[in-house]
């Protein structure tokens, strides 16, 4: 059983027990979250349901485990023969969510 969920403009394929990194700062560690924007659902028998745009009777329930940081990205600005060189690094903060249950009515 799996579902494809829209979270913050990104689509994630999730199964029960998966860990998903979500780009948000509004969630606290230990909080239970429900994702309602399920755009595809497949059950154990292999039956697939596709939402137009989303499925109303399917929801994904998860628990926030911890805060994690993503990989470092580096942006470099360079002008030749001018002595201009700048380098900036960035690491995005994510919340790691464990998928507990995919419920279908």
C-alpha atoms as a PDB file:
ATOM      1  CA  UNK A   1       0.000   0.000   0.000  1.00  0.00           C
ATOM      2  CA  UNK A   2       1.329   3.403  -0.924  1.00  0.00           C
ATOM      3  CA  UNK A   3       0.132   6.917  -1.623  1.00  0.00           C
ATOM      4  CA  UNK A   4       1.448   9.975  -3.425  1.00  0.00           C
ATOM      5  CA  UNK A   5       1.017  13.092  -1.294  1.00  0.00           C
ATOM      6  CA  UNK A   6       1.513  16.774  -2.147  1.00  0.00           C
ATOM      7  CA  UNK A   7       3.522  18.542   0.585  1.00  0.00           C
ATOM      8  CA  UNK A   8       4.687  22.109   0.174  1.00  0.00           C
ATOM      9  CA  UNK A   9       4.677  22.020  -3.610  1.00  0.00           C
ATOM     10  CA  UNK A  10       6.521  18.684  -3.769  1.00  0.00           C
ATOM     11  CA  UNK A  11       5.072  15.229  -4.391  1.00  0.00           C
ATOM     12  CA  UNK A  12       6.225  12.361  -2.168  1.00  0.00           C
ATOM     13  CA  UNK A  13       5.556   8.641  -2.589  1.00  0.00           C
ATOM     14  CA  UNK A  14       4.969   7.324   0.940  1.00  0.00           C
ATOM     15  CA  UNK A  15       4.403   3.926   2.530  1.00  0.00           C
ATOM     16  CA  UNK A  16       3.721   3.051   6.151  1.00  0.00           C
ATOM     17  CA  UNK A  17       6.962   3.310   8.139  1.00  0.00           C
ATOM     18  CA  UNK A  18       8.727   5.629   5.662  1.00  0.00           C
ATOM     19  CA  UNK A  19      10.659   8.715   6.751  1.00  0.00           C
ATOM     20  CA  UNK A  20       9.907  11.879   4.776  1.00  0.00           C
ATOM     21  CA  UNK A  21      11.710  15.236   5.041  1.00  0.00           C
ATOM     22  CA  UNK A  22       9.244  18.140   4.911  1.00  0.00           C
ATOM     23  CA  UNK A  23      10.238  21.742   4.273  1.00  0.00           C
ATOM     24  CA  UNK A  24       8.348  23.484   7.098  1.00  0.00           C
ATOM     25  CA  UNK A  25       9.106  25.153  10.412  1.00  0.00           C
ATOM     26  CA  UNK A  26       5.571  25.209  11.832  1.00  0.00           C
ATOM     27  CA  UNK A  27       5.622  21.618  13.154  1.00  0.00           C
ATOM     28  CA  UNK A  28       6.954  20.603  16.565  1.00  0.00           C
ATOM     29  CA  UNK A  29       8.744  17.369  17.459  1.00  0.00           C
ATOM     30  CA  UNK A  30       6.280  14.688  18.582  1.00  0.00           C
ATOM     31  CA  UNK A  31       3.314  16.340  16.886  1.00  0.00           C
ATOM     32  CA  UNK A  32       0.898  14.209  14.854  1.00  0.00           C
ATOM     33  CA  UNK A  33       0.156  15.558  11.383  1.00  0.00           C
ATOM     34  CA  UNK A  34      -2.473  14.598   8.816  1.00  0.00           C
ATOM     35  CA  UNK A  35      -1.866  15.064   5.107  1.00  0.00           C
ATOM     36  CA  UNK A  36      -5.106  15.411   3.150  1.00  0.00           C
ATOM     37  CA  UNK A  37      -3.783  16.223  -0.332  1.00  0.00           C
ATOM     38  CA  UNK A  38      -3.486  12.622  -1.548  1.00  0.00           C
ATOM     39  CA  UNK A  39      -3.389  12.525  -5.333  1.00  0.00           C
ATOM     40  CA  UNK A  40      -2.906   8.754  -5.807  1.00  0.00           C
ATOM     41  CA  UNK A  41      -3.658   5.726  -3.621  1.00  0.00           C
ATOM     42  CA  UNK A  42      -2.853   2.050  -4.196  1.00  0.00           C
ATOM     43  CA  UNK A  43      -4.001  -0.708  -1.824  1.00  0.00           C
ATOM     44  CA  UNK A  44      -2.716  -4.245  -1.158  1.00  0.00           C
ATOM     45  CA  UNK A  45      -4.712  -5.788  -4.023  1.00  0.00           C
ATOM     46  CA  UNK A  46      -3.107  -3.437  -6.540  1.00  0.00           C
ATOM     47  CA  UNK A  47      -6.189  -1.297  -7.112  1.00  0.00           C
ATOM     48  CA  UNK A  48      -5.155   2.264  -7.943  1.00  0.00           C
ATOM     49  CA  UNK A  49      -7.303   5.345  -7.384  1.00  0.00           C
ATOM     50  CA  UNK A  50      -6.317   8.693  -8.859  1.00  0.00           C
ATOM     51  CA  UNK A  51      -7.778  11.951  -7.583  1.00  0.00           C
ATOM     52  CA  UNK A  52      -8.985  14.815  -9.697  1.00  0.00           C
ATOM     53  CA  UNK A  53      -7.210  16.821  -8.212  1.00  0.00           C
ATOM     54  CA  UNK A  54      -7.132  14.935  -4.882  1.00  0.00           C
ATOM     55  CA  UNK A  55      -8.852  12.049  -3.098  1.00  0.00           C
ATOM     56  CA  UNK A  56     -11.220  13.198  -0.348  1.00  0.00           C
ATOM     57  CA  UNK A  57     -11.585   9.877   1.501  1.00  0.00           C
ATOM     58  CA  UNK A  58      -7.847   9.062   1.863  1.00  0.00           C
ATOM     59  CA  UNK A  59      -5.515  10.623   4.405  1.00  0.00           C
ATOM     60  CA  UNK A  60      -1.944  10.000   5.527  1.00  0.00           C
ATOM     61  CA  UNK A  61      -1.096  10.271   9.232  1.00  0.00           C
ATOM     62  CA  UNK A  62       2.443  10.773  10.488  1.00  0.00           C
ATOM     63  CA  UNK A  63       4.473  11.836  13.503  1.00  0.00           C
ATOM     64  CA  UNK A  64       7.246  14.447  13.505  1.00  0.00           C
ATOM     65  CA  UNK A  65      10.446  12.775  14.710  1.00  0.00           C
ATOM     66  CA  UNK A  66      13.179  15.421  14.623  1.00  0.00           C
ATOM     67  CA  UNK A  67      14.641  18.428  12.851  1.00  0.00           C
ATOM     68  CA  UNK A  68      17.284  17.670  10.215  1.00  0.00           C
ATOM     69  CA  UNK A  69      19.402  19.710   7.831  1.00  0.00           C
ATOM     70  CA  UNK A  70      19.651  19.078   4.132  1.00  0.00           C
ATOM     71  CA  UNK A  71      22.822  18.964   2.056  1.00  0.00           C
ATOM     72  CA  UNK A  72      24.905  22.110   1.749  1.00  0.00           C
ATOM     73  CA  UNK A  73      24.522  24.046  -1.467  1.00  0.00           C
ATOM     74  CA  UNK A  74      27.140  26.562  -2.532  1.00  0.00           C
ATOM     75  CA  UNK A  75      26.574  29.616  -4.731  1.00  0.00           C
ATOM     76  CA  UNK A  76      29.632  31.298  -6.243  1.00  0.00           C
ATOM     77  CA  UNK A  77      29.788  34.699  -7.954  1.00  0.00           C
ATOM     78  CA  UNK A  78      32.881  35.402 -10.031  1.00  0.00           C
ATOM     79  CA  UNK A  79      34.008  38.132 -12.403  1.00  0.00           C
ATOM     80  CA  UNK A  80      37.172  37.499 -14.323  1.00  0.00           C
ATOM     81  CA  UNK A  81      40.069  39.954 -14.145  1.00  0.00           C
ATOM     82  CA  UNK A  82      38.263  42.085 -11.546  1.00  0.00           C
ATOM     83  CA  UNK A  83      39.193  40.387  -8.299  1.00  0.00           C
ATOM     84  CA  UNK A  84      35.528  39.829  -7.470  1.00  0.00           C
ATOM     85  CA  UNK A  85      34.814  36.466  -5.860  1.00  0.00           C
ATOM     86  CA  UNK A  86      32.037  35.702  -3.392  1.00  0.00           C
ATOM     87  CA  UNK A  87      30.955  32.350  -2.049  1.00  0.00           C
ATOM     88  CA  UNK A  88      27.770  31.645  -0.082  1.00  0.00           C
ATOM     89  CA  UNK A  89      26.647  28.374   1.455  1.00  0.00           C
ATOM     90  CA  UNK A  90      23.173  27.311   2.575  1.00  0.00           C
ATOM     91  CA  UNK A  91      21.661  24.328   4.392  1.00  0.00           C
ATOM     92  CA  UNK A  92      17.881  24.024   4.452  1.00  0.00           C
ATOM     93  CA  UNK A  93      16.101  22.967   7.654  1.00  0.00           C
ATOM     94  CA  UNK A  94      13.610  20.088   7.361  1.00  0.00           C
ATOM     95  CA  UNK A  95      11.301  18.212   9.717  1.00  0.00           C
ATOM     96  CA  UNK A  96      11.572  14.436   9.503  1.00  0.00           C
ATOM     97  CA  UNK A  97       8.126  12.785   9.568  1.00  0.00           C
ATOM     98  CA  UNK A  98       7.510   9.068  10.070  1.00  0.00           C
ATOM     99  CA  UNK A  99       4.430   7.815   8.200  1.00  0.00           C
ATOM    100  CA  UNK A 100       2.319   5.883  10.708  1.00  0.00           C
ATOM    101  CA  UNK A 101      -0.840   5.064   8.788  1.00  0.00           C
ATOM    102  CA  UNK A 102      -2.517   5.480   5.422  1.00  0.00           C
ATOM    103  CA  UNK A 103      -6.244   5.446   6.036  1.00  0.00           C
ATOM    104  CA  UNK A 104      -8.897   4.960   3.381  1.00  0.00           C
ATOM    105  CA  UNK A 105     -12.629   5.182   4.101  1.00  0.00           C
END
